Amino acid sequence: MVRIRFFAALRDAAGTSGVELPPGSLGELLDTLRDSFGPRFGEVLGYSSVLVDTERRDDPSFQVRDGAEVALLPPFSGGG
């Protein structure tokens, strides 16, 4: 399985901090998430960074292996 972690607005849109999915291409995994969590999630995902095992990935054909961790990070704001 692939562990997928959601942060900030994606976590809020999904109502959970993450899920597990079977391995596959990055595009397939992201499409499954859009279908599962709806339009607001899909909108935020469109401008989020995708990291696979801490490396940024944007090629939908990239194969995410069993045991990998995918982190989905929308832009953050704030601080002080």
N, C-alpha and C. Protein backbone atom coordinates (compact mmCIF):
# COMPACT_ATOMS: atom_id res chain seq x y z
N MET A 1 0.84 -1.19 0.00
CA MET A 1 0.00 0.00 0.00
C MET A 1 0.88 1.25 0.00
N VAL A 2 0.30 2.34 -0.47
CA VAL A 2 0.95 3.64 -0.49
C VAL A 2 0.26 4.50 0.56
N ARG A 3 1.04 5.08 1.45
CA ARG A 3 0.48 5.97 2.47
C ARG A 3 0.45 7.38 1.91
N ILE A 4 -0.73 8.00 1.93
CA ILE A 4 -0.88 9.35 1.41
C ILE A 4 -1.29 10.25 2.56
N ARG A 5 -0.52 11.31 2.77
CA ARG A 5 -0.76 12.23 3.88
C ARG A 5 -1.23 13.58 3.34
N PHE A 6 -2.25 14.12 3.98
CA PHE A 6 -2.81 15.42 3.60
C PHE A 6 -2.43 16.46 4.64
N PHE A 7 -2.14 17.66 4.19
CA PHE A 7 -1.78 18.75 5.08
C PHE A 7 -2.66 19.97 4.83
N ALA A 8 -2.84 20.76 5.87
CA ALA A 8 -3.52 22.06 5.83
C ALA A 8 -4.88 21.97 5.13
N ALA A 9 -5.10 22.77 4.08
CA ALA A 9 -6.41 22.84 3.42
C ALA A 9 -6.84 21.51 2.82
N LEU A 10 -5.89 20.68 2.40
CA LEU A 10 -6.27 19.36 1.86
C LEU A 10 -6.80 18.46 2.97
N ARG A 11 -6.19 18.53 4.13
CA ARG A 11 -6.68 17.76 5.28
C ARG A 11 -8.10 18.23 5.63
N ASP A 12 -8.31 19.54 5.62
CA ASP A 12 -9.63 20.08 5.92
C ASP A 12 -10.66 19.63 4.89
N ALA A 13 -10.31 19.69 3.61
CA ALA A 13 -11.23 19.31 2.54
C ALA A 13 -11.57 17.82 2.57
N ALA A 14 -10.58 17.00 2.94
CA ALA A 14 -10.79 15.55 2.98
C ALA A 14 -11.46 15.10 4.27
N GLY A 15 -11.30 15.87 5.32
CA GLY A 15 -11.84 15.46 6.62
C GLY A 15 -11.03 14.38 7.29
N THR A 16 -9.79 14.18 6.83
CA THR A 16 -8.90 13.17 7.39
C THR A 16 -7.46 13.60 7.11
N SER A 17 -6.54 13.04 7.85
CA SER A 17 -5.13 13.39 7.64
C SER A 17 -4.43 12.50 6.63
N GLY A 18 -5.12 11.46 6.14
CA GLY A 18 -4.49 10.62 5.15
C GLY A 18 -5.26 9.34 4.87
N VAL A 19 -4.80 8.64 3.85
CA VAL A 19 -5.40 7.38 3.43
C VAL A 19 -4.30 6.46 2.92
N GLU A 20 -4.66 5.23 2.66
CA GLU A 20 -3.76 4.29 1.98
C GLU A 20 -4.43 3.80 0.71
N LEU A 21 -3.65 3.72 -0.36
CA LEU A 21 -4.14 3.24 -1.65
C LEU A 21 -3.15 2.22 -2.21
N PRO A 22 -3.61 1.38 -3.12
CA PRO A 22 -2.69 0.45 -3.78
C PRO A 22 -1.69 1.23 -4.65
N PRO A 23 -0.50 0.68 -4.88
CA PRO A 23 0.48 1.35 -5.73
C PRO A 23 -0.06 1.56 -7.14
N GLY A 24 0.49 2.54 -7.83
CA GLY A 24 0.10 2.83 -9.21
C GLY A 24 0.79 4.08 -9.66
N SER A 25 0.38 4.60 -10.81
CA SER A 25 0.99 5.84 -11.28
C SER A 25 0.51 7.00 -10.42
N LEU A 26 1.32 8.03 -10.36
CA LEU A 26 0.96 9.20 -9.57
C LEU A 26 -0.35 9.79 -10.07
N GLY A 27 -0.53 9.85 -11.37
CA GLY A 27 -1.78 10.36 -11.94
C GLY A 27 -2.99 9.56 -11.50
N GLU A 28 -2.87 8.23 -11.50
CA GLU A 28 -3.98 7.39 -11.06
C GLU A 28 -4.32 7.63 -9.60
N LEU A 29 -3.28 7.73 -8.77
CA LEU A 29 -3.51 7.96 -7.35
C LEU A 29 -4.21 9.30 -7.11
N LEU A 30 -3.74 10.35 -7.78
CA LEU A 30 -4.34 11.67 -7.59
C LEU A 30 -5.78 11.71 -8.13
N ASP A 31 -6.04 11.02 -9.24
CA ASP A 31 -7.41 10.95 -9.76
C ASP A 31 -8.34 10.24 -8.77
N THR A 32 -7.84 9.17 -8.16
CA THR A 32 -8.64 8.45 -7.16
C THR A 32 -8.98 9.36 -5.99
N LEU A 33 -8.02 10.16 -5.56
CA LEU A 33 -8.26 11.09 -4.45
C LEU A 33 -9.28 12.16 -4.83
N ARG A 34 -9.16 12.71 -6.04
CA ARG A 34 -10.13 13.71 -6.50
C ARG A 34 -11.54 13.12 -6.52
N ASP A 35 -11.66 11.91 -7.03
CA ASP A 35 -12.97 11.25 -7.09
C ASP A 35 -13.52 10.96 -5.69
N SER A 36 -12.64 10.62 -4.77
CA SER A 36 -13.07 10.25 -3.42
C SER A 36 -13.46 11.44 -2.56
N PHE A 37 -12.76 12.56 -2.72
CA PHE A 37 -12.93 13.67 -1.79
C PHE A 37 -13.60 14.91 -2.38
N GLY A 38 -13.93 14.89 -3.66
CA GLY A 38 -14.77 15.94 -4.22
C GLY A 38 -14.07 17.16 -4.78
N PRO A 39 -14.90 18.11 -5.27
CA PRO A 39 -14.38 19.25 -6.02
C PRO A 39 -13.48 20.19 -5.21
N ARG A 40 -13.81 20.46 -3.97
CA ARG A 40 -12.96 21.36 -3.17
C ARG A 40 -11.57 20.76 -3.00
N PHE A 41 -11.51 19.48 -2.70
CA PHE A 41 -10.22 18.79 -2.57
C PHE A 41 -9.45 18.88 -3.88
N GLY A 42 -10.14 18.60 -5.00
CA GLY A 42 -9.50 18.65 -6.31
C GLY A 42 -8.97 20.02 -6.65
N GLU A 43 -9.71 21.06 -6.25
CA GLU A 43 -9.27 22.43 -6.52
C GLU A 43 -7.97 22.73 -5.77
N VAL A 44 -7.92 22.41 -4.50
CA VAL A 44 -6.71 22.66 -3.71
C VAL A 44 -5.56 21.79 -4.20
N LEU A 45 -5.85 20.56 -4.56
CA LEU A 45 -4.81 19.66 -5.07
C LEU A 45 -4.16 20.23 -6.31
N GLY A 46 -4.93 20.97 -7.11
CA GLY A 46 -4.41 21.54 -8.36
C GLY A 46 -3.25 22.50 -8.17
N TYR A 47 -3.13 23.12 -7.01
CA TYR A 47 -2.01 24.03 -6.78
C TYR A 47 -1.12 23.58 -5.60
N SER A 48 -1.19 22.31 -5.29
CA SER A 48 -0.40 21.76 -4.19
C SER A 48 0.87 21.10 -4.70
N SER A 49 1.85 20.99 -3.82
CA SER A 49 3.07 20.24 -4.12
C SER A 49 2.85 18.77 -3.76
N VAL A 50 3.45 17.91 -4.57
CA VAL A 50 3.35 16.46 -4.35
C VAL A 50 4.76 15.93 -4.12
N LEU A 51 4.95 15.32 -2.96
CA LEU A 51 6.24 14.71 -2.64
C LEU A 51 6.06 13.21 -2.48
N VAL A 52 6.93 12.45 -3.13
CA VAL A 52 6.95 11.00 -2.98
C VAL A 52 8.25 10.65 -2.30
N ASP A 53 8.15 10.10 -1.10
CA ASP A 53 9.33 9.79 -0.29
C ASP A 53 10.28 10.99 -0.23
N THR A 54 9.72 12.14 0.07
CA THR A 54 10.38 13.45 0.27
C THR A 54 10.92 14.11 -0.99
N GLU A 55 10.70 13.53 -2.17
CA GLU A 55 11.14 14.15 -3.42
C GLU A 55 9.94 14.66 -4.20
N ARG A 56 10.02 15.92 -4.63
CA ARG A 56 8.92 16.53 -5.37
C ARG A 56 8.75 15.80 -6.71
N ARG A 57 7.50 15.49 -7.03
CA ARG A 57 7.17 14.79 -8.28
C ARG A 57 5.98 15.48 -8.93
N ASP A 58 6.02 15.60 -10.26
CA ASP A 58 4.88 16.17 -10.97
C ASP A 58 4.55 15.42 -12.25
N ASP A 59 5.26 14.34 -12.51
CA ASP A 59 5.00 13.52 -13.70
C ASP A 59 3.91 12.51 -13.37
N PRO A 60 2.72 12.65 -14.03
CA PRO A 60 1.62 11.73 -13.71
C PRO A 60 1.94 10.27 -14.01
N SER A 61 2.92 10.00 -14.87
CA SER A 61 3.25 8.61 -15.18
C SER A 61 4.24 8.00 -14.19
N PHE A 62 4.76 8.81 -13.26
CA PHE A 62 5.70 8.29 -12.26
C PHE A 62 5.03 7.17 -11.48
N GLN A 63 5.71 6.03 -11.38
CA GLN A 63 5.15 4.87 -10.68
C GLN A 63 5.48 4.94 -9.19
N VAL A 64 4.44 4.98 -8.38
CA VAL A 64 4.59 5.04 -6.93
C VAL A 64 4.58 3.59 -6.42
N ARG A 65 5.66 3.21 -5.81
CA ARG A 65 5.85 1.82 -5.41
C ARG A 65 5.14 1.50 -4.09
N ASP A 66 4.95 0.23 -3.87
CA ASP A 66 4.39 -0.26 -2.61
C ASP A 66 5.29 0.18 -1.46
N GLY A 67 4.72 0.70 -0.40
CA GLY A 67 5.48 1.14 0.76
C GLY A 67 5.89 2.60 0.72
N ALA A 68 5.63 3.28 -0.38
CA ALA A 68 6.01 4.69 -0.50
C ALA A 68 5.08 5.57 0.34
N GLU A 69 5.55 6.78 0.62
CA GLU A 69 4.73 7.77 1.28
C GLU A 69 4.61 8.99 0.37
N VAL A 70 3.38 9.41 0.14
CA VAL A 70 3.09 10.59 -0.67
C VAL A 70 2.58 11.68 0.28
N ALA A 71 3.19 12.85 0.22
CA ALA A 71 2.75 13.99 1.02
C ALA A 71 2.18 15.04 0.07
N LEU A 72 0.98 15.50 0.35
CA LEU A 72 0.32 16.52 -0.46
C LEU A 72 0.28 17.82 0.33
N LEU A 73 0.97 18.85 -0.18
CA LEU A 73 1.20 20.07 0.57
C LEU A 73 0.69 21.29 -0.18
N PRO A 74 -0.44 21.84 0.25
CA PRO A 74 -0.88 23.10 -0.34
C PRO A 74 0.05 24.22 0.13
N PRO A 75 0.03 25.36 -0.57
CA PRO A 75 0.85 26.49 -0.09
C PRO A 75 0.43 26.88 1.31
N PHE A 76 1.40 27.21 2.12
CA PHE A 76 1.14 27.62 3.50
C PHE A 76 1.26 29.13 3.60
N SER A 77 0.53 29.72 4.51
CA SER A 77 0.69 31.15 4.80
C SER A 77 0.66 31.33 6.30
N GLY A 78 1.05 32.49 6.69
CA GLY A 78 1.04 32.77 8.13
C GLY A 78 2.45 32.85 8.67
N GLY A 79 2.55 32.66 9.94
CA GLY A 79 3.86 32.76 10.59
C GLY A 79 3.90 34.00 11.46
N GLY A 80 5.05 34.33 11.89
CA GLY A 80 5.08 35.52 12.72
C GLY A 80 6.32 35.67 13.37
